[in-house]
């Protein structure tokens, strides 16, 4: 009886995890099926849907394969800081 309860708890946790994982994925990065179908498949065909999503549907990539993100603030952008430093140097040279 304990093993059945433990198995049911693991199954519920797995279902919630995979469904939320599928729902939070980027719509354009999900493979094979549309995102909404993966979410429904993960939720209604537990655990097979979750295993299929993890195997075939989740977006590829990891720490080394991330898309380049644009900086969100100017001080996070090294190119902006370089240009700013050059502009400040030019302004200082023009004043002297």
PDB file of N, CA and C in Angstrom:
ATOM      1  N   UNK A   1       0.820  -1.198   0.000  1.00  0.00           N
ATOM      2  CA  UNK A   1       0.000   0.000   0.000  1.00  0.00           C
ATOM      3  C   UNK A   1       0.869   1.269   0.000  1.00  0.00           C
ATOM      4  N   UNK A   2       1.959   1.265   0.764  1.00  0.00           N
ATOM      5  CA  UNK A   2       2.837   2.431   0.799  1.00  0.00           C
ATOM      6  C   UNK A   2       3.451   2.711  -0.563  1.00  0.00           C
ATOM      7  N   UNK A   3       3.840   1.644  -1.251  1.00  0.00           N
ATOM      8  CA  UNK A   3       4.460   1.813  -2.559  1.00  0.00           C
ATOM      9  C   UNK A   3       3.466   2.388  -3.563  1.00  0.00           C
ATOM     10  N   UNK A   4       2.209   2.020  -3.446  1.00  0.00           N
ATOM     11  CA  UNK A   4       1.191   2.565  -4.342  1.00  0.00           C
ATOM     12  C   UNK A   4       0.985   4.058  -4.086  1.00  0.00           C
ATOM     13  N   UNK A   5       0.955   4.440  -2.834  1.00  0.00           N
ATOM     14  CA  UNK A   5       0.802   5.853  -2.505  1.00  0.00           C
ATOM     15  C   UNK A   5       2.031   6.634  -2.960  1.00  0.00           C
ATOM     16  N   UNK A   6       3.214   6.078  -2.699  1.00  0.00           N
ATOM     17  CA  UNK A   6       4.447   6.720  -3.134  1.00  0.00           C
ATOM     18  C   UNK A   6       4.464   6.848  -4.662  1.00  0.00           C
ATOM     19  N   UNK A   7       4.081   5.799  -5.371  1.00  0.00           N
ATOM     20  CA  UNK A   7       4.036   5.835  -6.833  1.00  0.00           C
ATOM     21  C   UNK A   7       3.043   6.873  -7.345  1.00  0.00           C
ATOM     22  N   UNK A   8       1.909   6.983  -6.685  1.00  0.00           N
ATOM     23  CA  UNK A   8       0.909   7.967  -7.086  1.00  0.00           C
ATOM     24  C   UNK A   8       1.433   9.387  -6.863  1.00  0.00           C
ATOM     25  N   UNK A   9       2.120   9.606  -5.754  1.00  0.00           N
ATOM     26  CA  UNK A   9       2.688  10.926  -5.479  1.00  0.00           C
ATOM     27  C   UNK A   9       3.745  11.275  -6.521  1.00  0.00           C
ATOM     28  N   UNK A  10       4.605  10.327  -6.841  1.00  0.00           N
ATOM     29  CA  UNK A  10       5.642  10.555  -7.863  1.00  0.00           C
ATOM     30  C   UNK A  10       4.986  10.848  -9.211  1.00  0.00           C
ATOM     31  N   UNK A  11       3.929  10.134  -9.545  1.00  0.00           N
ATOM     32  CA  UNK A  11       3.227  10.340 -10.805  1.00  0.00           C
ATOM     33  C   UNK A  11       2.595  11.733 -10.872  1.00  0.00           C
ATOM     34  N   UNK A  12       1.994  12.173  -9.787  1.00  0.00           N
ATOM     35  CA  UNK A  12       1.384  13.507  -9.752  1.00  0.00           C
ATOM     36  C   UNK A  12       2.455  14.578  -9.880  1.00  0.00           C
ATOM     37  N   UNK A  13       3.548  14.431  -9.170  1.00  0.00           N
ATOM     38  CA  UNK A  13       4.635  15.414  -9.243  1.00  0.00           C
ATOM     39  C   UNK A  13       5.215  15.458 -10.657  1.00  0.00           C
ATOM     40  N   UNK A  14       5.433  14.300 -11.254  1.00  0.00           N
ATOM     41  CA  UNK A  14       5.962  14.236 -12.621  1.00  0.00           C
ATOM     42  C   UNK A  14       4.996  14.909 -13.598  1.00  0.00           C
ATOM     43  N   UNK A  15       3.711  14.635 -13.453  1.00  0.00           N
ATOM     44  CA  UNK A  15       2.708  15.216 -14.351  1.00  0.00           C
ATOM     45  C   UNK A  15       2.691  16.734 -14.236  1.00  0.00           C
ATOM     46  N   UNK A  16       2.694  17.240 -13.019  1.00  0.00           N
ATOM     47  CA  UNK A  16       2.688  18.691 -12.820  1.00  0.00           C
ATOM     48  C   UNK A  16       3.965  19.303 -13.384  1.00  0.00           C
ATOM     49  N   UNK A  17       5.107  18.692 -13.094  1.00  0.00           N
ATOM     50  CA  UNK A  17       6.383  19.210 -13.581  1.00  0.00           C
ATOM     51  C   UNK A  17       6.416  19.286 -15.103  1.00  0.00           C
ATOM     52  N   UNK A  18       6.072  18.194 -15.763  1.00  0.00           N
ATOM     53  CA  UNK A  18       6.181  18.153 -17.227  1.00  0.00           C
ATOM     54  C   UNK A  18       5.141  19.066 -17.870  1.00  0.00           C
ATOM     55  N   UNK A  19       3.949  19.135 -17.300  1.00  0.00           N
ATOM     56  CA  UNK A  19       2.918  20.006 -17.865  1.00  0.00           C
ATOM     57  C   UNK A  19       3.333  21.477 -17.746  1.00  0.00           C
ATOM     58  N   UNK A  20       3.855  21.865 -16.606  1.00  0.00           N
ATOM     59  CA  UNK A  20       4.310  23.247 -16.430  1.00  0.00           C
ATOM     60  C   UNK A  20       5.527  23.516 -17.317  1.00  0.00           C
ATOM     61  N   UNK A  21       6.419  22.549 -17.429  1.00  0.00           N
ATOM     62  CA  UNK A  21       7.596  22.679 -18.283  1.00  0.00           C
ATOM     63  C   UNK A  21       7.171  22.898 -19.741  1.00  0.00           C
ATOM     64  N   UNK A  22       6.189  22.134 -20.194  1.00  0.00           N
ATOM     65  CA  UNK A  22       5.695  22.282 -21.566  1.00  0.00           C
ATOM     66  C   UNK A  22       4.970  23.612 -21.745  1.00  0.00           C
ATOM     67  N   UNK A  23       4.195  24.014 -20.748  1.00  0.00           N
ATOM     68  CA  UNK A  23       3.441  25.261 -20.854  1.00  0.00           C
ATOM     69  C   UNK A  23       4.346  26.484 -20.840  1.00  0.00           C
ATOM     70  N   UNK A  24       5.474  26.404 -20.159  1.00  0.00           N
ATOM     71  CA  UNK A  24       6.362  27.555 -20.064  1.00  0.00           C
ATOM     72  C   UNK A  24       7.399  27.622 -21.187  1.00  0.00           C
ATOM     73  N   UNK A  25       7.435  26.623 -22.046  1.00  0.00           N
ATOM     74  CA  UNK A  25       8.398  26.613 -23.150  1.00  0.00           C
ATOM     75  C   UNK A  25       8.001  27.645 -24.205  1.00  0.00           C
ATOM     76  N   UNK A  26       8.995  28.109 -24.935  1.00  0.00           N
ATOM     77  CA  UNK A  26       8.743  29.056 -26.018  1.00  0.00           C
ATOM     78  C   UNK A  26       7.952  28.364 -27.115  1.00  0.00           C
ATOM     79  N   UNK A  27       6.881  29.000 -27.539  1.00  0.00           N
ATOM     80  CA  UNK A  27       5.977  28.398 -28.520  1.00  0.00           C
ATOM     81  C   UNK A  27       6.698  28.050 -29.823  1.00  0.00           C
ATOM     82  N   UNK A  28       7.639  28.870 -30.225  1.00  0.00           N
ATOM     83  CA  UNK A  28       8.343  28.643 -31.493  1.00  0.00           C
ATOM     84  C   UNK A  28       9.481  27.632 -31.372  1.00  0.00           C
ATOM     85  N   UNK A  29       9.882  27.294 -30.157  1.00  0.00           N
ATOM     86  CA  UNK A  29      11.000  26.379 -29.971  1.00  0.00           C
ATOM     87  C   UNK A  29      10.559  24.935 -29.743  1.00  0.00           C
ATOM     88  N   UNK A  30       9.295  24.727 -29.423  1.00  0.00           N
ATOM     89  CA  UNK A  30       8.798  23.373 -29.172  1.00  0.00           C
ATOM     90  C   UNK A  30       8.801  22.604 -30.486  1.00  0.00           C
ATOM     91  N   UNK A  31       9.213  21.349 -30.411  1.00  0.00           N
ATOM     92  CA  UNK A  31       9.352  20.545 -31.620  1.00  0.00           C
ATOM     93  C   UNK A  31       8.181  19.584 -31.805  1.00  0.00           C
ATOM     94  N   UNK A  32       8.016  19.075 -32.995  1.00  0.00           N
ATOM     95  CA  UNK A  32       7.114  18.019 -33.446  1.00  0.00           C
ATOM     96  C   UNK A  32       5.637  18.421 -33.424  1.00  0.00           C
ATOM     97  N   UNK A  33       5.088  18.813 -32.303  1.00  0.00           N
ATOM     98  CA  UNK A  33       3.678  19.191 -32.189  1.00  0.00           C
ATOM     99  C   UNK A  33       3.575  20.622 -31.683  1.00  0.00           C
ATOM    100  N   UNK A  34       2.409  21.250 -31.894  1.00  0.00           N
ATOM    101  CA  UNK A  34       2.219  22.580 -31.306  1.00  0.00           C
ATOM    102  C   UNK A  34       2.239  22.512 -29.778  1.00  0.00           C
ATOM    103  N   UNK A  35       2.566  23.618 -29.172  1.00  0.00           N
ATOM    104  CA  UNK A  35       2.731  23.686 -27.727  1.00  0.00           C
ATOM    105  C   UNK A  35       1.473  23.258 -26.982  1.00  0.00           C
ATOM    106  N   UNK A  36       0.313  23.723 -27.410  1.00  0.00           N
ATOM    107  CA  UNK A  36      -0.914  23.395 -26.691  1.00  0.00           C
ATOM    108  C   UNK A  36      -1.207  21.900 -26.716  1.00  0.00           C
ATOM    109  N   UNK A  37      -0.852  21.227 -27.812  1.00  0.00           N
ATOM    110  CA  UNK A  37      -1.047  19.773 -27.871  1.00  0.00           C
ATOM    111  C   UNK A  37      -0.105  19.053 -26.906  1.00  0.00           C
ATOM    112  N   UNK A  38       1.112  19.552 -26.777  1.00  0.00           N
ATOM    113  CA  UNK A  38       2.044  18.942 -25.819  1.00  0.00           C
ATOM    114  C   UNK A  38       1.526  19.091 -24.395  1.00  0.00           C
ATOM    115  N   UNK A  39       0.985  20.265 -24.086  1.00  0.00           N
ATOM    116  CA  UNK A  39       0.456  20.480 -22.736  1.00  0.00           C
ATOM    117  C   UNK A  39      -0.689  19.520 -22.462  1.00  0.00           C
ATOM    118  N   UNK A  40      -1.614  19.393 -23.399  1.00  0.00           N
ATOM    119  CA  UNK A  40      -2.736  18.465 -23.226  1.00  0.00           C
ATOM    120  C   UNK A  40      -2.262  17.017 -23.153  1.00  0.00           C
ATOM    121  N   UNK A  41      -1.310  16.672 -23.995  1.00  0.00           N
ATOM    122  CA  UNK A  41      -0.777  15.312 -23.998  1.00  0.00           C
ATOM    123  C   UNK A  41      -0.084  14.993 -22.670  1.00  0.00           C
ATOM    124  N   UNK A  42       0.679  15.928 -22.166  1.00  0.00           N
ATOM    125  CA  UNK A  42       1.365  15.713 -20.888  1.00  0.00           C
ATOM    126  C   UNK A  42       0.373  15.544 -19.742  1.00  0.00           C
ATOM    127  N   UNK A  43      -0.699  16.317 -19.783  1.00  0.00           N
ATOM    128  CA  UNK A  43      -1.658  16.284 -18.684  1.00  0.00           C
ATOM    129  C   UNK A  43      -2.570  15.060 -18.733  1.00  0.00           C
ATOM    130  N   UNK A  44      -3.042  14.715 -19.908  1.00  0.00           N
ATOM    131  CA  UNK A  44      -4.049  13.660 -20.007  1.00  0.00           C
ATOM    132  C   UNK A  44      -3.500  12.256 -20.243  1.00  0.00           C
ATOM    133  N   UNK A  45      -2.301  12.127 -20.709  1.00  0.00           N
ATOM    134  CA  UNK A  45      -1.736  10.785 -20.956  1.00  0.00           C
ATOM    135  C   UNK A  45      -0.493  10.563 -20.107  1.00  0.00           C
ATOM    136  N   UNK A  46      -0.688  10.698 -18.830  1.00  0.00           N
ATOM    137  CA  UNK A  46       0.401  10.538 -17.873  1.00  0.00           C
ATOM    138  C   UNK A  46       0.788   9.076 -17.761  1.00  0.00           C
ATOM    139  N   UNK A  47       2.005   8.717 -17.661  1.00  0.00           N
ATOM    140  CA  UNK A  47       3.276   9.412 -17.811  1.00  0.00           C
ATOM    141  C   UNK A  47       3.807   9.374 -19.235  1.00  0.00           C
ATOM    142  N   UNK A  48       3.095   8.701 -20.125  1.00  0.00           N
ATOM    143  CA  UNK A  48       3.584   8.541 -21.497  1.00  0.00           C
ATOM    144  C   UNK A  48       3.728   9.890 -22.194  1.00  0.00           C
ATOM    145  N   UNK A  49       2.739  10.770 -22.046  1.00  0.00           N
ATOM    146  CA  UNK A  49       2.809  12.085 -22.681  1.00  0.00           C
ATOM    147  C   UNK A  49       3.992  12.892 -22.204  1.00  0.00           C
ATOM    148  N   UNK A  50       4.261  12.831 -20.909  1.00  0.00           N
ATOM    149  CA  UNK A  50       5.404  13.555 -20.359  1.00  0.00           C
ATOM    150  C   UNK A  50       6.725  13.017 -20.877  1.00  0.00           C
ATOM    151  N   UNK A  51       6.833  11.716 -20.935  1.00  0.00           N
ATOM    152  CA  UNK A  51       8.064  11.107 -21.461  1.00  0.00           C
ATOM    153  C   UNK A  51       8.250  11.444 -22.938  1.00  0.00           C
ATOM    154  N   UNK A  52       7.155  11.434 -23.706  1.00  0.00           N
ATOM    155  CA  UNK A  52       7.254  11.803 -25.118  1.00  0.00           C
ATOM    156  C   UNK A  52       7.675  13.259 -25.278  1.00  0.00           C
ATOM    157  N   UNK A  53       7.112  14.139 -24.437  1.00  0.00           N
ATOM    158  CA  UNK A  53       7.496  15.550 -24.518  1.00  0.00           C
ATOM    159  C   UNK A  53       8.975  15.728 -24.191  1.00  0.00           C
ATOM    160  N   UNK A  54       9.428  15.092 -23.127  1.00  0.00           N
ATOM    161  CA  UNK A  54      10.832  15.238 -22.747  1.00  0.00           C
ATOM    162  C   UNK A  54      11.763  14.673 -23.808  1.00  0.00           C
ATOM    163  N   UNK A  55      11.315  13.632 -24.504  1.00  0.00           N
ATOM    164  CA  UNK A  55      12.150  12.999 -25.514  1.00  0.00           C
ATOM    165  C   UNK A  55      12.110  13.715 -26.854  1.00  0.00           C
ATOM    166  N   UNK A  56      10.899  14.058 -27.316  1.00  0.00           N
ATOM    167  CA  UNK A  56      10.753  14.572 -28.679  1.00  0.00           C
ATOM    168  C   UNK A  56      10.294  16.022 -28.785  1.00  0.00           C
ATOM    169  N   UNK A  57       9.648  16.554 -27.770  1.00  0.00           N
ATOM    170  CA  UNK A  57       9.011  17.851 -27.922  1.00  0.00           C
ATOM    171  C   UNK A  57       9.721  19.037 -27.329  1.00  0.00           C
ATOM    172  N   UNK A  58      10.483  18.811 -26.276  1.00  0.00           N
ATOM    173  CA  UNK A  58      11.076  19.968 -25.602  1.00  0.00           C
ATOM    174  C   UNK A  58      12.095  20.644 -26.503  1.00  0.00           C
ATOM    175  N   UNK A  59      12.254  21.935 -26.322  1.00  0.00           N
ATOM    176  CA  UNK A  59      13.220  22.674 -27.137  1.00  0.00           C
ATOM    177  C   UNK A  59      14.637  22.153 -26.912  1.00  0.00           C
ATOM    178  N   UNK A  60      15.382  22.065 -27.987  1.00  0.00           N
ATOM    179  CA  UNK A  60      16.772  21.644 -27.883  1.00  0.00           C
ATOM    180  C   UNK A  60      17.603  22.801 -27.381  1.00  0.00           C
ATOM    181  N   UNK A  61      18.672  22.474 -26.790  1.00  0.00           N
ATOM    182  CA  UNK A  61      19.576  23.514 -26.320  1.00  0.00           C
ATOM    183  C   UNK A  61      19.879  23.307 -24.861  1.00  0.00           C
ATOM    184  N   UNK A  62      20.929  23.896 -24.469  1.00  0.00           N
ATOM    185  CA  UNK A  62      21.352  23.816 -23.090  1.00  0.00           C
ATOM    186  C   UNK A  62      22.183  25.027 -22.793  1.00  0.00           C
ATOM    187  N   UNK A  63      23.024  24.921 -21.812  1.00  0.00           N
ATOM    188  CA  UNK A  63      23.851  26.075 -21.467  1.00  0.00           C
ATOM    189  C   UNK A  63      24.736  26.541 -22.611  1.00  0.00           C
ATOM    190  N   UNK A  64      25.191  25.627 -23.461  1.00  0.00           N
ATOM    191  CA  UNK A  64      26.071  26.015 -24.551  1.00  0.00           C
ATOM    192  C   UNK A  64      25.349  26.406 -25.814  1.00  0.00           C
ATOM    193  N   UNK A  65      24.053  26.132 -25.904  1.00  0.00           N
ATOM    194  CA  UNK A  65      23.322  26.366 -27.143  1.00  0.00           C
ATOM    195  C   UNK A  65      22.228  27.415 -26.993  1.00  0.00           C
ATOM    196  N   UNK A  66      22.392  28.309 -26.092  1.00  0.00           N
ATOM    197  CA  UNK A  66      21.370  29.340 -25.899  1.00  0.00           C
ATOM    198  C   UNK A  66      21.471  30.394 -26.982  1.00  0.00           C
ATOM    199  N   UNK A  67      20.311  30.970 -27.278  1.00  0.00           N
ATOM    200  CA  UNK A  67      20.290  32.056 -28.241  1.00  0.00           C
ATOM    201  C   UNK A  67      20.946  33.277 -27.606  1.00  0.00           C
ATOM    202  N   UNK A  68      21.539  34.089 -28.446  1.00  0.00           N
ATOM    203  CA  UNK A  68      22.108  35.327 -27.924  1.00  0.00           C
ATOM    204  C   UNK A  68      20.964  36.265 -27.598  1.00  0.00           C
ATOM    205  N   UNK A  69      20.960  36.729 -26.388  1.00  0.00           N
ATOM    206  CA  UNK A  69      19.935  37.679 -25.978  1.00  0.00           C
ATOM    207  C   UNK A  69      20.512  39.075 -26.029  1.00  0.00           C
ATOM    208  N   UNK A  70      19.669  39.989 -26.427  1.00  0.00           N
ATOM    209  CA  UNK A  70      20.099  41.381 -26.432  1.00  0.00           C
ATOM    210  C   UNK A  70      20.073  41.890 -25.002  1.00  0.00           C
ATOM    211  N   UNK A  71      20.990  42.741 -24.664  1.00  0.00           N
ATOM    212  CA  UNK A  71      20.991  43.312 -23.313  1.00  0.00           C
ATOM    213  C   UNK A  71      19.699  44.083 -23.069  1.00  0.00           C
ATOM    214  N   UNK A  72      19.246  44.055 -21.838  1.00  0.00           N
ATOM    215  CA  UNK A  72      18.000  44.744 -21.523  1.00  0.00           C
ATOM    216  C   UNK A  72      18.230  46.186 -21.086  1.00  0.00           C
ATOM    217  N   UNK A  73      19.400  46.470 -20.592  1.00  0.00           N
ATOM    218  CA  UNK A  73      19.703  47.828 -20.160  1.00  0.00           C
ATOM    219  C   UNK A  73      21.004  48.278 -20.818  1.00  0.00           C
ATOM    220  N   UNK A  74      21.153  49.570 -21.056  1.00  0.00           N
ATOM    221  CA  UNK A  74      22.361  50.046 -21.730  1.00  0.00           C
ATOM    222  C   UNK A  74      23.647  49.665 -20.991  1.00  0.00           C
ATOM    223  N   UNK A  75      23.619  49.671 -19.674  1.00  0.00           N
ATOM    224  CA  UNK A  75      24.849  49.359 -18.953  1.00  0.00           C
ATOM    225  C   UNK A  75      25.178  47.868 -18.972  1.00  0.00           C
ATOM    226  N   UNK A  76      24.286  47.035 -19.532  1.00  0.00           N
ATOM    227  CA  UNK A  76      24.573  45.614 -19.710  1.00  0.00           C
ATOM    228  C   UNK A  76      25.191  45.328 -21.078  1.00  0.00           C
ATOM    229  N   UNK A  77      25.197  46.320 -21.932  1.00  0.00           N
ATOM    230  CA  UNK A  77      25.664  46.137 -23.303  1.00  0.00           C
ATOM    231  C   UNK A  77      27.110  46.593 -23.431  1.00  0.00           C
ATOM    232  N   UNK A  78      28.039  45.660 -23.644  1.00  0.00           N
ATOM    233  CA  UNK A  78      29.448  46.056 -23.741  1.00  0.00           C
ATOM    234  C   UNK A  78      29.723  46.995 -24.917  1.00  0.00           C
ATOM    235  N   UNK A  79      29.015  46.826 -26.027  1.00  0.00           N
ATOM    236  CA  UNK A  79      29.213  47.702 -27.183  1.00  0.00           C
ATOM    237  C   UNK A  79      28.802  49.131 -26.843  1.00  0.00           C
ATOM    238  N   UNK A  80      27.699  49.281 -26.146  1.00  0.00           N
ATOM    239  CA  UNK A  80      27.251  50.611 -25.725  1.00  0.00           C
ATOM    240  C   UNK A  80      28.285  51.263 -24.816  1.00  0.00           C
ATOM    241  N   UNK A  81      28.815  50.498 -23.874  1.00  0.00           N
ATOM    242  CA  UNK A  81      29.808  51.045 -22.953  1.00  0.00           C
ATOM    243  C   UNK A  81      31.079  51.454 -23.682  1.00  0.00           C
ATOM    244  N   UNK A  82      31.498  50.642 -24.687  1.00  0.00           N
ATOM    245  CA  UNK A  82      32.673  51.000 -25.483  1.00  0.00           C
ATOM    246  C   UNK A  82      32.436  52.311 -26.233  1.00  0.00           C
ATOM    247  N   UNK A  83      31.273  52.408 -26.884  1.00  0.00           N
ATOM    248  CA  UNK A  83      30.955  53.625 -27.636  1.00  0.00           C
ATOM    249  C   UNK A  83      30.874  54.832 -26.716  1.00  0.00           C
ATOM    250  N   UNK A  84      30.288  54.646 -25.548  1.00  0.00           N
ATOM    251  CA  UNK A  84      30.170  55.735 -24.587  1.00  0.00           C
ATOM    252  C   UNK A  84      31.551  56.201 -24.134  1.00  0.00           C
ATOM    253  N   UNK A  85      32.423  55.263 -23.863  1.00  0.00           N
ATOM    254  CA  UNK A  85      33.774  55.624 -23.429  1.00  0.00           C
ATOM    255  C   UNK A  85      34.509  56.372 -24.535  1.00  0.00           C
ATOM    256  N   UNK A  86      34.348  55.953 -25.789  1.00  0.00           N
ATOM    257  CA  UNK A  86      34.987  56.651 -26.903  1.00  0.00           C
ATOM    258  C   UNK A  86      34.418  58.064 -27.049  1.00  0.00           C
ATOM    259  N   UNK A  87      33.111  58.199 -26.911  1.00  0.00           N
ATOM    260  CA  UNK A  87      32.495  59.525 -27.018  1.00  0.00           C
ATOM    261  C   UNK A  87      32.971  60.444 -25.897  1.00  0.00           C
ATOM    262  N   UNK A  88      33.082  59.902 -24.696  1.00  0.00           N
ATOM    263  CA  UNK A  88      33.553  60.717 -23.578  1.00  0.00           C
ATOM    264  C   UNK A  88      34.996  61.162 -23.785  1.00  0.00           C
ATOM    265  N   UNK A  89      35.824  60.271 -24.322  1.00  0.00           N
ATOM    266  CA  UNK A  89      37.226  60.635 -24.603  1.00  0.00           C
ATOM    267  C   UNK A  89      37.290  61.744 -25.650  1.00  0.00           C
ATOM    268  N   UNK A  90      36.473  61.632 -26.686  1.00  0.00           N
ATOM    269  CA  UNK A  90      36.451  62.658 -27.735  1.00  0.00           C
ATOM    270  C   UNK A  90      35.992  63.986 -27.179  1.00  0.00           C
ATOM    271  N   UNK A  91      34.989  63.955 -26.313  1.00  0.00           N
ATOM    272  CA  UNK A  91      34.510  65.203 -25.698  1.00  0.00           C
ATOM    273  C   UNK A  91      35.589  65.823 -24.822  1.00  0.00           C
ATOM    274  N   UNK A  92      36.307  64.988 -24.070  1.00  0.00           N
ATOM    275  CA  UNK A  92      37.380  65.503 -23.219  1.00  0.00           C
ATOM    276  C   UNK A  92      38.513  66.086 -24.054  1.00  0.00           C
ATOM    277  N   UNK A  93      38.847  65.460 -25.188  1.00  0.00           N
ATOM    278  CA  UNK A  93      39.909  65.945 -26.051  1.00  0.00           C
ATOM    279  C   UNK A  93      39.499  67.263 -26.698  1.00  0.00           C
ATOM    280  N   UNK A  94      38.225  67.420 -27.025  1.00  0.00           N
ATOM    281  CA  UNK A  94      37.743  68.655 -27.654  1.00  0.00           C
ATOM    282  C   UNK A  94      37.727  69.819 -26.701  1.00  0.00           C
ATOM    283  N   UNK A  95      37.597  69.578 -25.415  1.00  0.00           N
ATOM    284  CA  UNK A  95      37.544  70.647 -24.415  1.00  0.00           C
ATOM    285  C   UNK A  95      38.940  71.163 -24.090  1.00  0.00           C
ATOM    286  N   UNK A  96      39.943  70.337 -24.262  1.00  0.00           N
ATOM    287  CA  UNK A  96      41.311  70.759 -23.888  1.00  0.00           C
ATOM    288  C   UNK A  96      41.967  71.577 -24.921  1.00  0.00           C
TER     289      UNK A  96
END
